[in-house]
Amino acid sequence: MELKKALRGVYFSCTTDAWTANNNLSYTTCTVHFIDKRTWILHRFALGIFKKTGTSKAEDVVSYCEDIWRTVDLDYNFFVLL
């Protein structure tokens, strides 16, 4: 809930990172970044991590990020321009 509140009405960027662990399992994480309008402090939160199976495709990572964005009410149409 606090993260949803913090992200309300701010511009954000999202990054992903992928790696293969020593046991040969592959993982990807999705992190959201934003600057607090009042303090100008950069904040970043890892929204989640998922284990990948098979080959790594951009579509899979995008789909995962879009799914996890919904848990904190983010999407591509986050802002309404007046």
C-alpha atoms as a PDB file:
ATOM      1  CA  MET A   1       0.000   0.000   0.000  1.00  0.00           C
ATOM      2  CA  GLU A   2       2.794   2.432   0.877  1.00  0.00           C
ATOM      3  CA  LEU A   3       4.503   1.830  -2.448  1.00  0.00           C
ATOM      4  CA  LYS A   4       1.240   2.434  -4.330  1.00  0.00           C
ATOM      5  CA  LYS A   5       0.866   5.706  -2.429  1.00  0.00           C
ATOM      6  CA  ALA A   6       4.476   6.749  -3.125  1.00  0.00           C
ATOM      7  CA  LEU A   7       4.121   6.043  -6.850  1.00  0.00           C
ATOM      8  CA  ARG A   8       0.834   7.894  -7.263  1.00  0.00           C
ATOM      9  CA  GLY A   9       1.266  10.783  -9.712  1.00  0.00           C
ATOM     10  CA  VAL A  10       5.018  10.471 -10.276  1.00  0.00           C
ATOM     11  CA  TYR A  11       6.973   9.777 -13.406  1.00  0.00           C
ATOM     12  CA  PHE A  12       8.910   6.555 -13.128  1.00  0.00           C
ATOM     13  CA  SER A  13      11.351   4.410 -14.994  1.00  0.00           C
ATOM     14  CA  CYS A  14      11.678   0.686 -14.870  1.00  0.00           C
ATOM     15  CA  THR A  15      14.785  -1.437 -15.279  1.00  0.00           C
ATOM     16  CA  THR A  16      15.300  -5.153 -15.478  1.00  0.00           C
ATOM     17  CA  ASP A  17      18.292  -7.343 -14.822  1.00  0.00           C
ATOM     18  CA  ALA A  18      18.801 -10.989 -15.658  1.00  0.00           C
ATOM     19  CA  TRP A  19      21.373 -13.469 -14.467  1.00  0.00           C
ATOM     20  CA  THR A  20      22.096 -17.159 -14.188  1.00  0.00           C
ATOM     21  CA  ALA A  21      22.847 -18.550 -10.738  1.00  0.00           C
ATOM     22  CA  ASN A  22      25.603 -21.069  -9.981  1.00  0.00           C
ATOM     23  CA  ASN A  23      23.012 -23.863 -10.105  1.00  0.00           C
ATOM     24  CA  ASN A  24      22.243 -22.851 -13.737  1.00  0.00           C
ATOM     25  CA  LEU A  25      18.798 -21.385 -12.933  1.00  0.00           C
ATOM     26  CA  SER A  26      18.002 -18.055 -14.614  1.00  0.00           C
ATOM     27  CA  TYR A  27      16.289 -15.117 -12.920  1.00  0.00           C
ATOM     28  CA  THR A  28      15.039 -11.664 -13.865  1.00  0.00           C
ATOM     29  CA  THR A  29      14.132  -8.769 -11.602  1.00  0.00           C
ATOM     30  CA  CYS A  30      12.028  -5.660 -12.209  1.00  0.00           C
ATOM     31  CA  THR A  31      12.943  -2.406 -10.409  1.00  0.00           C
ATOM     32  CA  VAL A  32      11.023   0.880 -10.455  1.00  0.00           C
ATOM     33  CA  HIS A  33      12.834   4.227 -10.002  1.00  0.00           C
ATOM     34  CA  PHE A  34      11.387   7.669  -9.314  1.00  0.00           C
ATOM     35  CA  ILE A  35      12.388  11.045  -7.907  1.00  0.00           C
ATOM     36  CA  ASP A  36      10.407  12.471  -4.996  1.00  0.00           C
ATOM     37  CA  LYS A  37       8.992  15.828  -6.142  1.00  0.00           C
ATOM     38  CA  ARG A  38       9.410  17.437  -2.718  1.00  0.00           C
ATOM     39  CA  THR A  39      12.901  16.278  -1.746  1.00  0.00           C
ATOM     40  CA  TRP A  40      14.495  15.441  -5.110  1.00  0.00           C
ATOM     41  CA  ILE A  41      15.639  12.134  -3.640  1.00  0.00           C
ATOM     42  CA  LEU A  42      15.922   9.204  -6.024  1.00  0.00           C
ATOM     43  CA  HIS A  43      14.024   6.145  -4.809  1.00  0.00           C
ATOM     44  CA  ARG A  44      14.164   2.640  -6.211  1.00  0.00           C
ATOM     45  CA  PHE A  45      12.213  -0.456  -5.324  1.00  0.00           C
ATOM     46  CA  ALA A  46      12.596  -4.000  -6.581  1.00  0.00           C
ATOM     47  CA  LEU A  47       9.049  -4.922  -7.505  1.00  0.00           C
ATOM     48  CA  GLY A  48       9.762  -8.594  -7.918  1.00  0.00           C
ATOM     49  CA  ILE A  49      11.899 -11.396  -9.192  1.00  0.00           C
ATOM     50  CA  PHE A  50      10.959 -14.358 -11.313  1.00  0.00           C
ATOM     51  CA  LYS A  51      12.653 -17.563 -12.368  1.00  0.00           C
ATOM     52  CA  LYS A  52      12.898 -17.979 -16.110  1.00  0.00           C
ATOM     53  CA  THR A  53      12.553 -21.217 -17.970  1.00  0.00           C
ATOM     54  CA  GLY A  54      13.815 -21.830 -21.461  1.00  0.00           C
ATOM     55  CA  THR A  55      15.371 -19.128 -23.576  1.00  0.00           C
ATOM     56  CA  SER A  56      15.234 -15.483 -22.588  1.00  0.00           C
ATOM     57  CA  LYS A  57      12.925 -13.414 -24.781  1.00  0.00           C
ATOM     58  CA  ALA A  58      12.238  -9.695 -24.490  1.00  0.00           C
ATOM     59  CA  GLU A  59       8.506 -10.373 -24.731  1.00  0.00           C
ATOM     60  CA  ASP A  60       8.665 -12.544 -21.613  1.00  0.00           C
ATOM     61  CA  VAL A  61      10.438  -9.854 -19.594  1.00  0.00           C
ATOM     62  CA  VAL A  62       8.036  -7.142 -20.778  1.00  0.00           C
ATOM     63  CA  SER A  63       5.038  -9.316 -19.936  1.00  0.00           C
ATOM     64  CA  TYR A  64       6.423 -10.043 -16.475  1.00  0.00           C
ATOM     65  CA  CYS A  65       7.054  -6.347 -15.783  1.00  0.00           C
ATOM     66  CA  GLU A  66       3.596  -5.357 -16.974  1.00  0.00           C
ATOM     67  CA  ASP A  67       2.060  -8.015 -14.709  1.00  0.00           C
ATOM     68  CA  ILE A  68       3.998  -6.853 -11.671  1.00  0.00           C
ATOM     69  CA  TRP A  69       3.273  -3.176 -12.456  1.00  0.00           C
ATOM     70  CA  ARG A  70      -0.423  -3.927 -12.039  1.00  0.00           C
ATOM     71  CA  THR A  71       0.192  -4.962  -8.423  1.00  0.00           C
ATOM     72  CA  VAL A  72       1.174  -1.337  -7.676  1.00  0.00           C
ATOM     73  CA  ASP A  73      -1.246   0.299 -10.165  1.00  0.00           C
ATOM     74  CA  LEU A  74       1.368   1.278 -12.786  1.00  0.00           C
ATOM     75  CA  ASP A  75       1.018   1.068 -16.537  1.00  0.00           C
ATOM     76  CA  TYR A  76       2.049   2.836 -19.734  1.00  0.00           C
ATOM     77  CA  ASN A  77      -0.967   5.147 -19.490  1.00  0.00           C
ATOM     78  CA  PHE A  78      -0.219   6.201 -15.933  1.00  0.00           C
ATOM     79  CA  PHE A  79      -0.696   9.903 -16.636  1.00  0.00           C
ATOM     80  CA  VAL A  80      -3.551  11.874 -18.084  1.00  0.00           C
ATOM     81  CA  LEU A  81      -2.240  14.962 -19.833  1.00  0.00           C
ATOM     82  CA  LEU A  82      -4.454  17.987 -19.357  1.00  0.00           C
END
